[in-house]
Amino acid sequence: MTTHDCHRRRLAAVCGAYCGVCEAYRDNSCCGCAYALGCTRRGECAVFTCCVADRGLEHCGECIDFPCQVFMSHASPQVVAKRYRALCRRVDVGTTAWLDEQERKA
């Protein structure tokens, strides 16, 4: 994997968010949870900890328990629904193709 690919994969958060459209990411006040190992501007991310640290997964969509209570309670119901759909798509096409789709949408 190239340096560009590693940087690009940081845009694919474990919870289904696409960091490339986030104002905090674009103005360099946030590097994305994947870069910061789950430490966000709001503190440690329970979703990241559960997914990556505890279960060793790339994203929540790979988890046998998806969607779990940790995932369901991490954001508003509307945001959770959007991220659920994003992770289902990411499982179907893979992270690289999902990132390609997100970049086209942005």
C-alpha atoms as a PDB file:
ATOM      1  CA  MET A   1       0.000   0.000   0.000  1.00  0.00           C
ATOM      2  CA  THR A   2       1.386   3.399  -0.966  1.00  0.00           C
ATOM      3  CA  THR A   3       1.580   6.430   1.308  1.00  0.00           C
ATOM      4  CA  HIS A   4      -1.249   7.979  -0.721  1.00  0.00           C
ATOM      5  CA  ASP A   5      -3.419   4.888  -0.172  1.00  0.00           C
ATOM      6  CA  CYS A   6      -2.742   4.956   3.584  1.00  0.00           C
ATOM      7  CA  HIS A   7      -3.629   8.654   3.773  1.00  0.00           C
ATOM      8  CA  ARG A   8      -6.737   8.101   1.686  1.00  0.00           C
ATOM      9  CA  ARG A   9      -7.959   5.200   3.859  1.00  0.00           C
ATOM     10  CA  ARG A  10      -7.948   7.576   6.842  1.00  0.00           C
ATOM     11  CA  LEU A  11     -10.962   9.203   5.221  1.00  0.00           C
ATOM     12  CA  ALA A  12     -12.985   6.005   5.806  1.00  0.00           C
ATOM     13  CA  ALA A  13     -13.971   6.072   9.475  1.00  0.00           C
ATOM     14  CA  VAL A  14     -14.856   2.810  11.219  1.00  0.00           C
ATOM     15  CA  CYS A  15     -18.399   4.091  11.872  1.00  0.00           C
ATOM     16  CA  GLY A  16     -19.188   4.742   8.201  1.00  0.00           C
ATOM     17  CA  ALA A  17     -18.420   8.444   8.153  1.00  0.00           C
ATOM     18  CA  TYR A  18     -16.524   9.839   5.172  1.00  0.00           C
ATOM     19  CA  CYS A  19     -14.035  12.328   6.603  1.00  0.00           C
ATOM     20  CA  GLY A  20     -13.376  13.939   3.229  1.00  0.00           C
ATOM     21  CA  VAL A  21     -16.525  16.059   3.593  1.00  0.00           C
ATOM     22  CA  CYS A  22     -15.862  17.070   7.196  1.00  0.00           C
ATOM     23  CA  GLU A  23     -14.979  20.712   7.780  1.00  0.00           C
ATOM     24  CA  ALA A  24     -12.693  19.849  10.714  1.00  0.00           C
ATOM     25  CA  TYR A  25     -10.739  17.417   8.527  1.00  0.00           C
ATOM     26  CA  ARG A  26     -10.470  19.883   5.655  1.00  0.00           C
ATOM     27  CA  ASP A  27      -9.206  22.708   7.873  1.00  0.00           C
ATOM     28  CA  ASN A  28      -6.657  20.368   9.527  1.00  0.00           C
ATOM     29  CA  SER A  29      -8.157  20.627  13.006  1.00  0.00           C
ATOM     30  CA  CYS A  30      -8.873  16.861  12.873  1.00  0.00           C
ATOM     31  CA  CYS A  31      -6.819  14.110  11.245  1.00  0.00           C
ATOM     32  CA  GLY A  32      -9.584  11.508  11.364  1.00  0.00           C
ATOM     33  CA  CYS A  33     -10.087   8.789  13.948  1.00  0.00           C
ATOM     34  CA  ALA A  34      -8.001   6.279  11.998  1.00  0.00           C
ATOM     35  CA  TYR A  35      -4.965   8.558  12.217  1.00  0.00           C
ATOM     36  CA  ALA A  36      -5.532   9.422  15.860  1.00  0.00           C
ATOM     37  CA  LEU A  37      -6.288   5.810  16.895  1.00  0.00           C
ATOM     38  CA  GLY A  38      -9.754   6.724  18.082  1.00  0.00           C
ATOM     39  CA  CYS A  39      -8.816   9.894  19.939  1.00  0.00           C
ATOM     40  CA  THR A  40     -11.073  12.587  18.561  1.00  0.00           C
ATOM     41  CA  ARG A  41     -11.530  16.248  19.382  1.00  0.00           C
ATOM     42  CA  ARG A  42     -14.402  15.127  21.624  1.00  0.00           C
ATOM     43  CA  GLY A  43     -12.370  12.432  23.402  1.00  0.00           C
ATOM     44  CA  GLU A  44     -11.903   8.726  22.884  1.00  0.00           C
ATOM     45  CA  CYS A  45     -14.318   7.181  20.385  1.00  0.00           C
ATOM     46  CA  ALA A  46     -16.094   4.143  21.826  1.00  0.00           C
ATOM     47  CA  VAL A  47     -16.970   2.913  18.325  1.00  0.00           C
ATOM     48  CA  PHE A  48     -13.315   2.962  17.243  1.00  0.00           C
ATOM     49  CA  THR A  49     -12.197   1.285  20.463  1.00  0.00           C
ATOM     50  CA  CYS A  50     -14.768  -1.492  20.127  1.00  0.00           C
ATOM     51  CA  CYS A  51     -14.191  -2.058  16.414  1.00  0.00           C
ATOM     52  CA  VAL A  52     -10.437  -1.725  16.046  1.00  0.00           C
ATOM     53  CA  ALA A  53      -8.855  -2.110  19.470  1.00  0.00           C
ATOM     54  CA  ASP A  54     -11.183  -4.737  20.930  1.00  0.00           C
ATOM     55  CA  ARG A  55     -12.194  -6.689  17.825  1.00  0.00           C
ATOM     56  CA  GLY A  56      -9.370  -6.021  15.339  1.00  0.00           C
ATOM     57  CA  LEU A  57     -11.704  -5.062  12.481  1.00  0.00           C
ATOM     58  CA  GLU A  58     -11.335  -2.456   9.753  1.00  0.00           C
ATOM     59  CA  HIS A  59     -14.861  -1.091  10.240  1.00  0.00           C
ATOM     60  CA  CYS A  60     -18.111  -1.864  12.042  1.00  0.00           C
ATOM     61  CA  GLY A  61     -19.715  -3.409   8.970  1.00  0.00           C
ATOM     62  CA  GLU A  62     -17.374  -6.398   9.312  1.00  0.00           C
ATOM     63  CA  CYS A  63     -18.579  -7.175  12.834  1.00  0.00           C
ATOM     64  CA  ILE A  64     -20.800 -10.172  13.520  1.00  0.00           C
ATOM     65  CA  ASP A  65     -22.722  -8.002  16.017  1.00  0.00           C
ATOM     66  CA  PHE A  66     -23.323  -5.107  13.586  1.00  0.00           C
ATOM     67  CA  PRO A  67     -25.295  -3.022  14.285  1.00  0.00           C
ATOM     68  CA  CYS A  68     -24.625  -3.144  18.012  1.00  0.00           C
ATOM     69  CA  GLN A  69     -25.589  -0.833  20.858  1.00  0.00           C
ATOM     70  CA  VAL A  70     -22.235   0.984  20.720  1.00  0.00           C
ATOM     71  CA  PHE A  71     -22.785   1.782  17.041  1.00  0.00           C
ATOM     72  CA  MET A  72     -26.482   2.607  17.428  1.00  0.00           C
ATOM     73  CA  SER A  73     -25.886   5.064  20.275  1.00  0.00           C
ATOM     74  CA  HIS A  74     -22.896   6.979  18.867  1.00  0.00           C
ATOM     75  CA  ALA A  75     -24.892   9.613  16.973  1.00  0.00           C
ATOM     76  CA  SER A  76     -28.404  10.818  16.204  1.00  0.00           C
ATOM     77  CA  PRO A  77     -30.776   8.282  14.632  1.00  0.00           C
ATOM     78  CA  GLN A  78     -30.550  10.056  11.249  1.00  0.00           C
ATOM     79  CA  VAL A  79     -26.737   9.976  11.266  1.00  0.00           C
ATOM     80  CA  VAL A  80     -26.682   6.359  12.439  1.00  0.00           C
ATOM     81  CA  ALA A  81     -29.053   5.366   9.613  1.00  0.00           C
ATOM     82  CA  LYS A  82     -26.854   7.090   7.038  1.00  0.00           C
ATOM     83  CA  ARG A  83     -23.710   5.461   8.408  1.00  0.00           C
ATOM     84  CA  TYR A  84     -25.407   2.073   8.559  1.00  0.00           C
ATOM     85  CA  ARG A  85     -26.169   2.313   4.836  1.00  0.00           C
ATOM     86  CA  ALA A  86     -22.615   3.484   4.150  1.00  0.00           C
ATOM     87  CA  LEU A  87     -21.128   0.505   5.978  1.00  0.00           C
ATOM     88  CA  CYS A  88     -23.427  -1.951   4.208  1.00  0.00           C
ATOM     89  CA  ARG A  89     -22.248  -0.502   0.905  1.00  0.00           C
ATOM     90  CA  ARG A  90     -18.625  -0.628   2.058  1.00  0.00           C
ATOM     91  CA  VAL A  91     -19.021  -4.336   2.861  1.00  0.00           C
ATOM     92  CA  ASP A  92     -20.499  -4.938  -0.604  1.00  0.00           C
ATOM     93  CA  VAL A  93     -17.861  -3.107  -2.664  1.00  0.00           C
ATOM     94  CA  GLY A  94     -14.797  -2.874  -0.390  1.00  0.00           C
ATOM     95  CA  THR A  95     -13.204   0.179   1.165  1.00  0.00           C
ATOM     96  CA  THR A  96     -11.256   1.304  -1.911  1.00  0.00           C
ATOM     97  CA  ALA A  97     -14.311   1.306  -4.195  1.00  0.00           C
ATOM     98  CA  TRP A  98     -16.400   2.903  -1.419  1.00  0.00           C
ATOM     99  CA  LEU A  99     -13.843   5.701  -1.116  1.00  0.00           C
ATOM    100  CA  ASP A 100     -13.947   6.172  -4.905  1.00  0.00           C
ATOM    101  CA  GLU A 101     -17.739   6.566  -4.670  1.00  0.00           C
ATOM    102  CA  GLN A 102     -17.494   9.039  -1.796  1.00  0.00           C
ATOM    103  CA  GLU A 103     -14.934  11.154  -3.640  1.00  0.00           C
ATOM    104  CA  ARG A 104     -17.195  11.309  -6.689  1.00  0.00           C
ATOM    105  CA  LYS A 105     -20.154  12.376  -4.521  1.00  0.00           C
ATOM    106  CA  ALA A 106     -18.111  15.054  -2.763  1.00  0.00           C
END
